[in-house]
N, C-alpha and C. Protein backbone atom coordinates (compact mmCIF):
# COMPACT_ATOMS: atom_id res chain seq x y z
N MET A 1 -8.95 -11.15 -17.20
CA MET A 1 -7.59 -10.64 -17.11
C MET A 1 -7.42 -9.86 -15.81
N LEU A 2 -6.34 -10.10 -15.12
CA LEU A 2 -6.01 -9.42 -13.88
C LEU A 2 -5.51 -8.01 -14.22
N THR A 3 -6.04 -7.01 -13.54
CA THR A 3 -5.64 -5.62 -13.82
C THR A 3 -4.95 -5.00 -12.60
N GLU A 4 -4.32 -3.86 -12.82
CA GLU A 4 -3.70 -3.13 -11.71
C GLU A 4 -4.76 -2.73 -10.68
N ASP A 5 -5.93 -2.35 -11.15
CA ASP A 5 -7.01 -1.98 -10.21
C ASP A 5 -7.42 -3.17 -9.34
N ASP A 6 -7.45 -4.39 -9.93
CA ASP A 6 -7.76 -5.58 -9.15
C ASP A 6 -6.74 -5.77 -8.03
N VAL A 7 -5.47 -5.62 -8.37
CA VAL A 7 -4.40 -5.80 -7.38
C VAL A 7 -4.46 -4.69 -6.34
N ARG A 8 -4.63 -3.46 -6.80
CA ARG A 8 -4.71 -2.32 -5.88
C ARG A 8 -5.87 -2.51 -4.89
N ASN A 9 -7.02 -2.94 -5.39
CA ASN A 9 -8.17 -3.17 -4.50
C ASN A 9 -7.88 -4.30 -3.52
N ALA A 10 -7.20 -5.34 -3.96
CA ALA A 10 -6.85 -6.45 -3.07
C ALA A 10 -5.91 -5.99 -1.97
N LEU A 11 -5.01 -5.06 -2.29
CA LEU A 11 -4.02 -4.59 -1.31
C LEU A 11 -4.61 -3.61 -0.29
N ARG A 12 -5.86 -3.23 -0.47
CA ARG A 12 -6.49 -2.31 0.49
C ARG A 12 -6.74 -2.97 1.85
N VAL A 13 -6.49 -4.28 1.95
CA VAL A 13 -6.62 -4.95 3.26
C VAL A 13 -5.26 -5.07 3.96
N CYS A 14 -4.22 -4.50 3.37
CA CYS A 14 -2.88 -4.48 3.98
C CYS A 14 -2.70 -3.12 4.65
N PHE A 15 -2.40 -3.12 5.94
CA PHE A 15 -2.37 -1.88 6.71
C PHE A 15 -0.99 -1.57 7.27
N ASP A 16 -0.66 -0.27 7.29
CA ASP A 16 0.52 0.19 8.00
C ASP A 16 0.28 -0.12 9.48
N PRO A 17 1.18 -0.85 10.13
CA PRO A 17 0.94 -1.28 11.50
C PRO A 17 0.88 -0.14 12.52
N GLU A 18 1.47 0.99 12.23
CA GLU A 18 1.46 2.11 13.18
C GLU A 18 0.24 3.00 12.99
N LEU A 19 -0.12 3.28 11.75
CA LEU A 19 -1.20 4.22 11.47
C LEU A 19 -2.56 3.56 11.28
N GLN A 20 -2.57 2.24 11.03
CA GLN A 20 -3.81 1.50 10.77
C GLN A 20 -4.61 2.09 9.60
N VAL A 21 -3.87 2.50 8.57
CA VAL A 21 -4.45 2.96 7.31
C VAL A 21 -3.89 2.04 6.24
N ASN A 22 -4.71 1.69 5.25
CA ASN A 22 -4.23 0.75 4.24
C ASN A 22 -3.12 1.37 3.39
N ILE A 23 -2.24 0.51 2.89
CA ILE A 23 -1.04 0.97 2.19
C ILE A 23 -1.33 1.62 0.85
N VAL A 24 -2.48 1.31 0.26
CA VAL A 24 -2.85 1.95 -1.01
C VAL A 24 -3.22 3.40 -0.75
N ASP A 25 -4.11 3.63 0.21
CA ASP A 25 -4.53 5.01 0.51
C ASP A 25 -3.40 5.85 1.09
N LEU A 26 -2.45 5.20 1.78
CA LEU A 26 -1.29 5.94 2.28
C LEU A 26 -0.34 6.35 1.16
N GLY A 27 -0.48 5.72 0.01
CA GLY A 27 0.41 6.03 -1.11
C GLY A 27 1.73 5.29 -1.05
N LEU A 28 1.75 4.15 -0.35
CA LEU A 28 2.99 3.38 -0.24
C LEU A 28 3.23 2.47 -1.44
N VAL A 29 2.19 2.20 -2.22
CA VAL A 29 2.33 1.35 -3.42
C VAL A 29 2.72 2.26 -4.58
N TYR A 30 3.98 2.13 -5.02
CA TYR A 30 4.48 2.99 -6.09
C TYR A 30 4.24 2.40 -7.46
N GLY A 31 4.15 1.09 -7.56
CA GLY A 31 3.94 0.50 -8.86
C GLY A 31 3.47 -0.94 -8.78
N ILE A 32 2.71 -1.33 -9.81
CA ILE A 32 2.22 -2.69 -9.94
C ILE A 32 2.51 -3.12 -11.37
N HIS A 33 3.23 -4.22 -11.51
CA HIS A 33 3.54 -4.74 -12.84
C HIS A 33 3.02 -6.17 -12.93
N ILE A 34 2.19 -6.42 -13.92
CA ILE A 34 1.55 -7.72 -14.08
C ILE A 34 1.95 -8.32 -15.43
N THR A 35 2.42 -9.57 -15.40
CA THR A 35 2.71 -10.28 -16.64
C THR A 35 2.07 -11.67 -16.57
N ARG A 36 1.71 -12.17 -17.70
CA ARG A 36 1.09 -13.50 -17.75
C ARG A 36 2.16 -14.56 -17.50
N ASP A 37 1.81 -15.55 -16.70
CA ASP A 37 2.71 -16.67 -16.38
C ASP A 37 2.30 -17.86 -17.22
N GLU A 38 2.97 -18.04 -18.33
CA GLU A 38 2.64 -19.12 -19.27
C GLU A 38 2.96 -20.50 -18.70
N ASP A 39 3.87 -20.58 -17.73
CA ASP A 39 4.31 -21.86 -17.18
C ASP A 39 3.52 -22.31 -15.95
N ALA A 40 2.61 -21.49 -15.48
CA ALA A 40 1.88 -21.83 -14.25
C ALA A 40 0.86 -22.92 -14.51
N PRO A 41 0.86 -23.94 -13.66
CA PRO A 41 -0.15 -25.00 -13.81
C PRO A 41 -1.48 -24.58 -13.20
N GLY A 42 -2.53 -25.29 -13.54
CA GLY A 42 -3.82 -25.05 -12.90
C GLY A 42 -4.63 -23.99 -13.57
N TYR A 43 -5.32 -23.20 -12.75
CA TYR A 43 -6.26 -22.18 -13.22
C TYR A 43 -5.64 -21.31 -14.29
N GLU A 44 -6.37 -21.08 -15.36
CA GLU A 44 -5.88 -20.23 -16.45
C GLU A 44 -6.71 -18.97 -16.51
N PRO A 45 -6.20 -17.84 -16.84
CA PRO A 45 -4.77 -17.55 -16.89
C PRO A 45 -4.21 -17.27 -15.50
N ARG A 46 -2.92 -17.36 -15.37
CA ARG A 46 -2.21 -17.05 -14.12
C ARG A 46 -1.22 -15.94 -14.40
N TYR A 47 -0.93 -15.14 -13.37
CA TYR A 47 -0.10 -13.96 -13.55
C TYR A 47 1.01 -13.86 -12.51
N LEU A 48 2.11 -13.25 -12.95
CA LEU A 48 3.20 -12.85 -12.06
C LEU A 48 2.93 -11.40 -11.71
N VAL A 49 3.00 -11.07 -10.44
CA VAL A 49 2.74 -9.70 -10.00
C VAL A 49 3.97 -9.17 -9.27
N HIS A 50 4.44 -8.01 -9.70
CA HIS A 50 5.56 -7.34 -9.03
C HIS A 50 5.05 -6.04 -8.44
N ILE A 51 5.30 -5.84 -7.16
CA ILE A 51 4.87 -4.64 -6.45
C ILE A 51 6.10 -3.82 -6.07
N ALA A 52 6.09 -2.54 -6.41
CA ALA A 52 7.10 -1.59 -5.92
C ALA A 52 6.44 -0.86 -4.75
N LEU A 53 7.02 -1.01 -3.58
CA LEU A 53 6.45 -0.51 -2.34
C LEU A 53 7.48 0.36 -1.64
N THR A 54 7.02 1.42 -1.01
CA THR A 54 7.94 2.23 -0.22
C THR A 54 7.48 2.22 1.24
N MET A 55 8.26 2.82 2.07
CA MET A 55 7.95 2.92 3.49
C MET A 55 7.92 4.41 3.85
N ARG A 56 7.20 4.73 4.92
CA ARG A 56 7.19 6.12 5.37
C ARG A 56 8.55 6.52 5.92
N ALA A 57 9.22 5.57 6.52
CA ALA A 57 10.56 5.78 7.08
C ALA A 57 11.21 4.41 7.22
N PRO A 58 12.55 4.34 7.18
CA PRO A 58 13.21 3.04 7.32
C PRO A 58 12.88 2.38 8.66
N ASN A 59 12.50 1.12 8.59
CA ASN A 59 12.20 0.35 9.79
C ASN A 59 12.12 -1.11 9.36
N ASP A 60 13.13 -1.89 9.71
CA ASP A 60 13.22 -3.28 9.26
C ASP A 60 12.01 -4.11 9.69
N GLU A 61 11.56 -3.91 10.90
CA GLU A 61 10.43 -4.70 11.40
C GLU A 61 9.15 -4.39 10.64
N ARG A 62 8.86 -3.10 10.45
CA ARG A 62 7.66 -2.69 9.72
C ARG A 62 7.76 -3.12 8.26
N GLU A 63 8.96 -3.02 7.69
CA GLU A 63 9.18 -3.42 6.29
C GLU A 63 8.85 -4.90 6.12
N ALA A 64 9.34 -5.75 6.98
CA ALA A 64 9.08 -7.18 6.90
C ALA A 64 7.59 -7.47 7.08
N LEU A 65 6.95 -6.76 7.98
CA LEU A 65 5.52 -6.95 8.22
C LEU A 65 4.70 -6.59 6.98
N LEU A 66 5.00 -5.45 6.36
CA LEU A 66 4.25 -5.02 5.18
C LEU A 66 4.49 -5.94 3.99
N ILE A 67 5.73 -6.34 3.79
CA ILE A 67 6.04 -7.26 2.69
C ILE A 67 5.27 -8.57 2.89
N GLY A 68 5.25 -9.08 4.11
CA GLY A 68 4.52 -10.30 4.40
C GLY A 68 3.03 -10.16 4.14
N GLN A 69 2.45 -9.03 4.54
CA GLN A 69 1.02 -8.78 4.29
C GLN A 69 0.73 -8.79 2.80
N VAL A 70 1.56 -8.09 2.03
CA VAL A 70 1.34 -8.00 0.58
C VAL A 70 1.47 -9.37 -0.07
N GLN A 71 2.52 -10.10 0.27
CA GLN A 71 2.72 -11.42 -0.33
C GLN A 71 1.60 -12.38 0.05
N ASN A 72 1.15 -12.35 1.29
CA ASN A 72 0.04 -13.21 1.72
C ASN A 72 -1.25 -12.86 0.99
N ARG A 73 -1.50 -11.58 0.83
CA ARG A 73 -2.73 -11.16 0.14
C ARG A 73 -2.69 -11.61 -1.32
N LEU A 74 -1.55 -11.42 -1.99
CA LEU A 74 -1.45 -11.82 -3.39
C LEU A 74 -1.52 -13.34 -3.54
N ALA A 75 -0.97 -14.07 -2.58
CA ALA A 75 -1.03 -15.53 -2.62
C ALA A 75 -2.47 -16.03 -2.52
N GLY A 76 -3.33 -15.24 -1.93
CA GLY A 76 -4.73 -15.59 -1.80
C GLY A 76 -5.57 -15.33 -3.04
N MET A 77 -4.96 -14.72 -4.04
CA MET A 77 -5.69 -14.45 -5.28
C MET A 77 -5.43 -15.59 -6.26
N ARG A 78 -6.48 -16.26 -6.69
CA ARG A 78 -6.28 -17.45 -7.52
C ARG A 78 -5.67 -17.14 -8.87
N GLU A 79 -5.75 -15.90 -9.33
CA GLU A 79 -5.16 -15.54 -10.63
C GLU A 79 -3.64 -15.35 -10.54
N VAL A 80 -3.13 -15.19 -9.32
CA VAL A 80 -1.71 -14.90 -9.13
C VAL A 80 -0.95 -16.19 -8.86
N SER A 81 0.04 -16.47 -9.72
CA SER A 81 0.86 -17.66 -9.52
C SER A 81 2.07 -17.36 -8.65
N ARG A 82 2.66 -16.19 -8.85
CA ARG A 82 3.83 -15.77 -8.08
C ARG A 82 3.81 -14.25 -7.93
N SER A 83 4.48 -13.79 -6.87
CA SER A 83 4.59 -12.34 -6.68
C SER A 83 5.95 -11.99 -6.10
N THR A 84 6.36 -10.77 -6.36
CA THR A 84 7.58 -10.23 -5.75
C THR A 84 7.25 -8.84 -5.22
N VAL A 85 7.92 -8.48 -4.15
CA VAL A 85 7.75 -7.15 -3.57
C VAL A 85 9.12 -6.53 -3.47
N GLU A 86 9.26 -5.35 -4.04
CA GLU A 86 10.52 -4.60 -4.01
C GLU A 86 10.30 -3.33 -3.21
N VAL A 87 11.13 -3.09 -2.20
CA VAL A 87 11.05 -1.85 -1.44
C VAL A 87 11.94 -0.82 -2.13
N VAL A 88 11.35 0.32 -2.46
CA VAL A 88 12.06 1.39 -3.14
C VAL A 88 12.02 2.64 -2.26
N TRP A 89 13.03 3.48 -2.41
CA TRP A 89 13.11 4.69 -1.58
C TRP A 89 13.05 5.97 -2.41
N GLU A 90 13.05 5.84 -3.70
CA GLU A 90 12.97 7.02 -4.58
C GLU A 90 11.77 6.90 -5.47
N PRO A 91 10.97 7.92 -5.58
CA PRO A 91 11.04 9.15 -4.81
C PRO A 91 10.63 8.92 -3.36
N ALA A 92 11.13 9.75 -2.51
CA ALA A 92 10.82 9.62 -1.08
C ALA A 92 9.32 9.82 -0.87
N TRP A 93 8.76 9.04 0.06
CA TRP A 93 7.33 9.16 0.38
C TRP A 93 7.09 10.49 1.08
N SER A 94 5.93 11.08 0.80
CA SER A 94 5.48 12.26 1.55
C SER A 94 3.97 12.14 1.73
N ALA A 95 3.45 12.91 2.66
CA ALA A 95 2.02 12.88 2.95
C ALA A 95 1.19 13.32 1.75
N ASP A 96 1.79 13.97 0.78
CA ASP A 96 1.08 14.38 -0.44
C ASP A 96 0.58 13.18 -1.24
N ARG A 97 1.16 12.00 -1.02
CA ARG A 97 0.77 10.80 -1.75
C ARG A 97 -0.51 10.15 -1.20
N MET A 98 -0.96 10.59 -0.03
CA MET A 98 -2.14 10.01 0.60
C MET A 98 -3.41 10.42 -0.14
N THR A 99 -4.38 9.50 -0.17
CA THR A 99 -5.68 9.81 -0.74
C THR A 99 -6.47 10.67 0.25
N PRO A 100 -7.52 11.34 -0.22
CA PRO A 100 -8.38 12.08 0.71
C PRO A 100 -8.95 11.18 1.82
N ALA A 101 -9.24 9.91 1.50
CA ALA A 101 -9.76 8.99 2.52
C ALA A 101 -8.75 8.78 3.64
N ALA A 102 -7.47 8.62 3.30
CA ALA A 102 -6.43 8.43 4.32
C ALA A 102 -6.25 9.71 5.13
N ARG A 103 -6.26 10.85 4.46
CA ARG A 103 -6.11 12.12 5.17
C ARG A 103 -7.26 12.32 6.17
N GLN A 104 -8.47 11.97 5.74
CA GLN A 104 -9.62 12.11 6.63
C GLN A 104 -9.51 11.14 7.81
N GLN A 105 -9.12 9.89 7.53
CA GLN A 105 -8.99 8.89 8.59
C GLN A 105 -7.97 9.32 9.65
N LEU A 106 -6.91 9.99 9.21
CA LEU A 106 -5.87 10.44 10.14
C LEU A 106 -6.15 11.82 10.73
N GLY A 107 -7.26 12.42 10.31
CA GLY A 107 -7.63 13.72 10.85
C GLY A 107 -6.80 14.87 10.31
N LEU A 108 -6.22 14.70 9.13
CA LEU A 108 -5.37 15.75 8.57
C LEU A 108 -6.14 16.81 7.80
N ASP A 109 -7.43 16.57 7.56
CA ASP A 109 -8.22 17.53 6.79
C ASP A 109 -9.05 18.45 7.68
N ARG A 110 -8.87 18.35 8.97
CA ARG A 110 -9.61 19.24 9.86
C ARG A 110 -9.07 20.65 9.74
N PRO A 111 -9.95 21.63 9.67
CA PRO A 111 -9.46 23.01 9.60
C PRO A 111 -8.77 23.41 10.90
N ALA A 112 -7.78 24.25 10.76
CA ALA A 112 -7.06 24.73 11.94
C ALA A 112 -7.99 25.58 12.79
N LYS A 113 -7.84 25.47 14.10
CA LYS A 113 -8.65 26.29 15.00
C LYS A 113 -8.16 27.72 14.91
N GLN A 114 -9.12 28.62 14.81
CA GLN A 114 -8.78 30.03 14.71
C GLN A 114 -9.50 30.80 15.79
N GLY A 115 -9.00 31.96 16.08
CA GLY A 115 -9.62 32.80 17.09
C GLY A 115 -8.63 33.23 18.15
N LEU A 116 -9.14 33.89 19.11
CA LEU A 116 -8.28 34.39 20.18
C LEU A 116 -7.98 33.29 21.19
N ILE A 117 -6.81 33.34 21.72
CA ILE A 117 -6.41 32.40 22.77
C ILE A 117 -6.17 33.21 24.03
N ASN A 118 -6.85 32.86 25.08
CA ASN A 118 -6.68 33.52 26.36
C ASN A 118 -5.67 32.75 27.19
N ILE A 119 -4.66 33.45 27.63
CA ILE A 119 -3.64 32.84 28.49
C ILE A 119 -3.68 33.57 29.82
N THR A 120 -3.88 32.81 30.89
CA THR A 120 -3.91 33.40 32.22
C THR A 120 -2.62 33.04 32.94
N LEU A 121 -1.95 34.06 33.44
CA LEU A 121 -0.72 33.82 34.18
C LEU A 121 -0.93 33.94 35.65
């Protein structure tokens, strides 16, 4: 049986084109809905997969690129007969949705530099 974890792991090869961090760790995948496709021919069982995806900010080009990556990745899974990707804007994405791995990759977990700053005029 295909699970949400299977789909989430498969989507880890889809990357935000600007940040080069995968969309799962960035927190762009808001939902995964899987239903069995009783009408699909061939390999049994087959599933319909619906992905709710958000963007960091509106951008038609990046949106099309990410949707294409997700659909191509799901098409490569033999258990998936069909998929749909829906772009949602609520709730708005924030950096709080990122995993520790994404934060580390982007350098957001580095401690702030502290100490005296010497300024010479």
